[in-house]
Amino acid sequence: MRVFAVTHSGYTEFPDLIPAMHRLRYRVFRDRLHWDVSVSGDMEIDAYDALNPTYILAVGDKGSVVGCARLLPTMGPTMLANTFPGLLGSNPAPRSERMFESSRFCVDTEASDAVAATGLRDATFSLLAGILEWGLSKDQEAVVTVTDVRFERILRRAGWPLERFAPPLQIDDTKALAGQLAISESALLSVRKIGQIQGPVLATRSIPLAAA
């Protein structure tokens, strides 16, 4: 498995992987989780994809996208600040040049067969390690995210616990919440150890912080 951090300037280098990522998101968020998401044909695409995000892509040995995450700076529009501010409780929306948002994290459970001793898929650990490596390379302090209680448990099992902003809220069929995770060497070492990852996962590329 290979993990890539793809910025807007590099989208054209991955003409097949970017559409494949959007199709994976469709299968996960619309078909499997039944979220009310924006779609175009067989792809899940929303307004935040127009903000030149950085994508973390996990690519299997056969060249298919088996996992992804979307990263945006918190100095611009984010899902937490602009779509789900109610999940912040009484807290202000995070705005910092050293903090970014991760959204649309998902793994293809059918294509990603390898499972670690924790019961989590190897692609999950690779994506989490890739986000941490990317954040450390950009001198970031934390990542914020909107997720659900199910993925909160996954993060805890992976050794990277989420710090909630407020109690969960029921949104349609999802018990949603928001929080932040520290970007640190210790968090990366924890994810690598539990996921049995030997060394860096990100392919060596120039990965500037995406601009909103």
Protein backbone atom coordinates (compact mmCIF):
# COMPACT_ATOMS: atom_id res chain seq x y z
CA MET A 1 0.00 0.00 0.00
CA ARG A 2 1.17 3.52 -0.82
CA VAL A 3 -0.08 6.78 0.72
CA PHE A 4 0.00 10.07 -1.20
CA ALA A 5 -0.64 13.67 -0.12
CA VAL A 6 -2.08 15.35 -3.20
CA THR A 7 -2.47 19.13 -3.39
CA HIS A 8 -4.44 21.11 -5.96
CA SER A 9 -1.31 21.65 -8.06
CA GLY A 10 -0.84 17.89 -8.19
CA TYR A 11 -4.39 16.85 -9.11
CA THR A 12 -3.42 16.44 -12.77
CA GLU A 13 -0.69 13.97 -11.76
CA PHE A 14 -3.43 11.63 -10.51
CA PRO A 15 -6.13 11.77 -13.24
CA ASP A 16 -7.51 8.36 -12.29
CA LEU A 17 -7.11 8.46 -8.51
CA ILE A 18 -9.01 11.69 -7.82
CA PRO A 19 -12.25 10.48 -9.54
CA ALA A 20 -11.77 7.08 -7.88
CA MET A 21 -11.61 8.83 -4.52
CA HIS A 22 -14.92 10.59 -5.20
CA ARG A 23 -16.51 7.29 -6.23
CA LEU A 24 -15.24 5.65 -3.03
CA ARG A 25 -16.79 8.46 -1.00
CA TYR A 26 -20.10 7.87 -2.83
CA ARG A 27 -20.04 4.18 -1.98
CA VAL A 28 -19.18 4.81 1.66
CA PHE A 29 -21.14 7.92 2.61
CA ARG A 30 -24.22 7.53 0.40
CA ASP A 31 -24.57 3.80 -0.19
CA ARG A 32 -23.22 2.36 3.07
CA LEU A 33 -23.82 5.07 5.68
CA HIS A 34 -26.85 6.67 3.97
CA TRP A 35 -25.66 10.20 4.69
CA ASP A 36 -27.38 13.12 2.96
CA VAL A 37 -24.44 14.13 0.77
CA SER A 38 -24.00 16.02 -2.49
CA VAL A 39 -23.45 13.75 -5.47
CA SER A 40 -22.68 14.04 -9.16
CA GLY A 41 -23.35 10.81 -11.00
CA ASP A 42 -21.53 8.08 -9.11
CA MET A 43 -19.26 10.52 -7.25
CA GLU A 44 -19.67 12.31 -3.91
CA ILE A 45 -18.47 15.91 -4.30
CA ASP A 46 -19.33 18.95 -2.18
CA ALA A 47 -18.51 22.65 -1.96
CA TYR A 48 -15.41 22.02 0.15
CA ASP A 49 -13.81 20.10 -2.71
CA ALA A 50 -13.78 23.41 -4.62
CA LEU A 51 -11.46 24.97 -2.00
CA ASN A 52 -8.30 23.27 -3.27
CA PRO A 53 -7.92 20.80 -0.38
CA THR A 54 -5.06 18.41 0.13
CA TYR A 55 -6.18 14.79 -0.21
CA ILE A 56 -4.53 11.91 1.60
CA LEU A 57 -4.99 8.83 -0.59
CA ALA A 58 -4.26 5.22 0.35
CA VAL A 59 -3.63 3.24 -2.83
CA GLY A 60 -3.62 -0.54 -2.91
CA ASP A 61 -1.15 -2.79 -4.69
CA LYS A 62 -3.43 -2.96 -7.73
CA GLY A 63 -3.61 0.82 -8.02
CA SER A 64 -7.10 1.31 -6.59
CA VAL A 65 -7.98 3.92 -3.97
CA VAL A 66 -8.73 2.03 -0.75
CA GLY A 67 -8.96 5.02 1.58
CA CYS A 68 -8.95 8.80 1.65
CA ALA A 69 -9.19 11.93 3.76
CA ARG A 70 -9.58 15.61 2.88
CA LEU A 71 -7.52 18.32 4.59
CA LEU A 72 -8.31 22.05 4.70
CA PRO A 73 -6.75 24.94 6.66
CA THR A 74 -8.95 26.29 9.43
CA MET A 75 -8.22 29.88 8.38
CA GLY A 76 -10.73 29.38 5.56
CA PRO A 77 -14.17 27.74 5.33
CA THR A 78 -14.46 24.35 7.04
CA MET A 79 -17.23 21.84 7.62
CA LEU A 80 -17.03 22.42 11.37
CA ALA A 81 -17.28 26.22 11.21
CA ASN A 82 -19.66 26.58 8.28
CA THR A 83 -21.81 23.44 8.16
CA PHE A 84 -21.85 21.96 11.68
CA PRO A 85 -21.17 24.85 14.11
CA GLY A 86 -23.73 23.35 16.51
CA LEU A 87 -21.22 20.60 17.31
CA LEU A 88 -18.89 23.20 18.86
CA GLY A 89 -21.17 23.79 21.83
CA SER A 90 -20.10 27.08 23.43
CA ASN A 91 -16.63 26.94 21.83
CA PRO A 92 -15.57 29.26 19.00
CA ALA A 93 -14.67 27.70 15.67
CA PRO A 94 -10.93 26.93 15.59
CA ARG A 95 -8.99 29.40 13.45
CA SER A 96 -5.24 28.93 13.35
CA GLU A 97 -2.45 28.70 10.81
CA ARG A 98 -1.21 25.71 12.81
CA MET A 99 -4.48 23.80 12.80
CA PHE A 100 -6.26 22.08 9.92
CA GLU A 101 -9.49 20.18 9.39
CA SER A 102 -9.80 16.58 8.25
CA SER A 103 -13.05 15.44 6.66
CA ARG A 104 -14.44 12.69 4.42
CA PHE A 105 -12.19 10.05 6.03
CA CYS A 106 -13.17 6.64 4.73
CA VAL A 107 -11.83 3.20 3.88
CA ASP A 108 -13.03 0.71 1.28
CA THR A 109 -13.79 -2.24 3.55
CA GLU A 110 -14.25 -4.57 0.58
CA ALA A 111 -10.97 -3.75 -1.18
CA SER A 112 -8.88 -3.35 2.00
CA ASP A 113 -8.70 -6.91 3.27
CA ALA A 114 -5.73 -6.71 5.64
CA VAL A 115 -6.80 -6.31 9.28
CA ALA A 116 -4.50 -5.55 12.22
CA ALA A 117 -4.65 -7.25 15.60
CA THR A 118 -6.94 -4.48 16.88
CA GLY A 119 -9.56 -5.41 14.30
CA LEU A 120 -8.94 -2.18 12.38
CA ARG A 121 -7.91 -2.29 8.75
CA ASP A 122 -4.34 -1.56 7.73
CA ALA A 123 -5.61 1.20 5.43
CA THR A 124 -7.09 2.96 8.46
CA PHE A 125 -3.75 3.01 10.25
CA SER A 126 -1.94 4.09 7.08
CA LEU A 127 -4.32 7.02 6.57
CA LEU A 128 -4.07 8.12 10.20
CA ALA A 129 -0.27 7.89 10.07
CA GLY A 130 -0.29 9.81 6.78
CA ILE A 131 -2.35 12.64 8.28
CA LEU A 132 0.00 12.83 11.26
CA GLU A 133 3.11 12.79 9.05
CA TRP A 134 1.64 15.51 6.84
CA GLY A 135 0.74 17.64 9.86
CA LEU A 136 4.19 17.28 11.39
CA SER A 137 5.85 18.18 8.09
CA LYS A 138 3.79 21.40 8.04
CA ASP A 139 4.48 22.29 11.70
CA GLN A 140 0.82 21.85 12.59
CA GLU A 141 -0.32 21.53 16.20
CA ALA A 142 -3.75 19.92 15.85
CA VAL A 143 -6.38 18.63 13.46
CA VAL A 144 -10.10 19.22 13.97
CA THR A 145 -12.80 16.98 12.59
CA VAL A 146 -16.53 16.34 12.44
CA THR A 147 -17.22 12.65 12.90
CA ASP A 148 -19.48 10.20 14.74
CA VAL A 149 -19.21 8.15 17.90
CA ARG A 150 -18.31 5.05 15.88
CA PHE A 151 -15.20 6.67 14.43
CA GLU A 152 -14.39 8.23 17.80
CA ARG A 153 -14.04 4.66 19.10
CA ILE A 154 -11.85 3.73 16.12
CA LEU A 155 -9.51 6.65 16.88
CA ARG A 156 -9.24 5.55 20.51
CA ARG A 157 -8.40 1.97 19.48
CA ALA A 158 -5.83 3.28 17.03
CA GLY A 159 -4.02 5.16 19.81
CA TRP A 160 -5.04 8.68 18.79
CA PRO A 161 -7.92 9.73 21.08
CA LEU A 162 -10.21 12.60 20.15
CA GLU A 163 -10.80 15.55 22.49
CA ARG A 164 -14.48 16.48 22.14
CA PHE A 165 -15.65 20.08 21.82
CA ALA A 166 -19.14 19.24 23.11
CA PRO A 167 -21.45 16.24 23.67
CA PRO A 168 -22.69 14.41 20.55
CA LEU A 169 -25.82 15.51 18.72
CA GLN A 170 -28.21 13.32 16.76
CA ILE A 171 -28.17 14.40 13.09
CA ASP A 172 -30.53 12.24 11.06
CA ASP A 173 -29.31 8.66 11.64
CA THR A 174 -25.87 9.73 12.90
CA LYS A 175 -24.74 10.50 16.44
CA ALA A 176 -22.36 13.26 15.40
CA LEU A 177 -19.65 15.07 17.30
CA ALA A 178 -16.63 17.28 16.70
CA GLY A 179 -13.25 17.48 18.35
CA GLN A 180 -9.54 17.89 17.89
CA LEU A 181 -6.55 15.60 17.85
CA ALA A 182 -3.01 16.61 18.74
CA ILE A 183 -0.40 16.49 16.00
CA SER A 184 2.68 15.17 17.76
CA GLU A 185 5.52 12.71 17.41
CA SER A 186 4.11 10.72 20.33
CA ALA A 187 0.73 10.38 18.58
CA LEU A 188 2.44 9.23 15.40
CA LEU A 189 4.56 6.69 17.28
CA SER A 190 1.43 5.38 19.02
CA VAL A 191 -0.46 4.89 15.73
CA ARG A 192 2.58 3.24 14.13
CA LYS A 193 3.08 0.90 17.09
CA ILE A 194 -0.55 -0.22 17.35
CA GLY A 195 -0.88 -0.48 13.58
CA GLN A 196 2.47 -2.30 13.28
CA ILE A 197 3.74 0.28 10.78
CA GLN A 198 7.47 0.35 10.19
CA GLY A 199 8.60 3.87 9.32
CA PRO A 200 6.97 6.66 7.28
CA VAL A 201 3.97 5.91 5.07
CA LEU A 202 3.76 9.08 2.96
CA ALA A 203 5.40 9.01 -0.45
CA THR A 204 8.12 11.68 -0.67
CA ARG A 205 6.61 14.61 -2.56
CA SER A 206 6.31 18.38 -2.26
CA ILE A 207 3.11 18.90 -0.25
CA PRO A 208 2.42 22.61 0.43
CA LEU A 209 -0.51 23.56 2.67
CA ALA A 210 -3.65 23.98 0.58
CA ALA A 211 -5.01 27.51 0.37
CA ALA A 212 -8.71 28.17 0.86
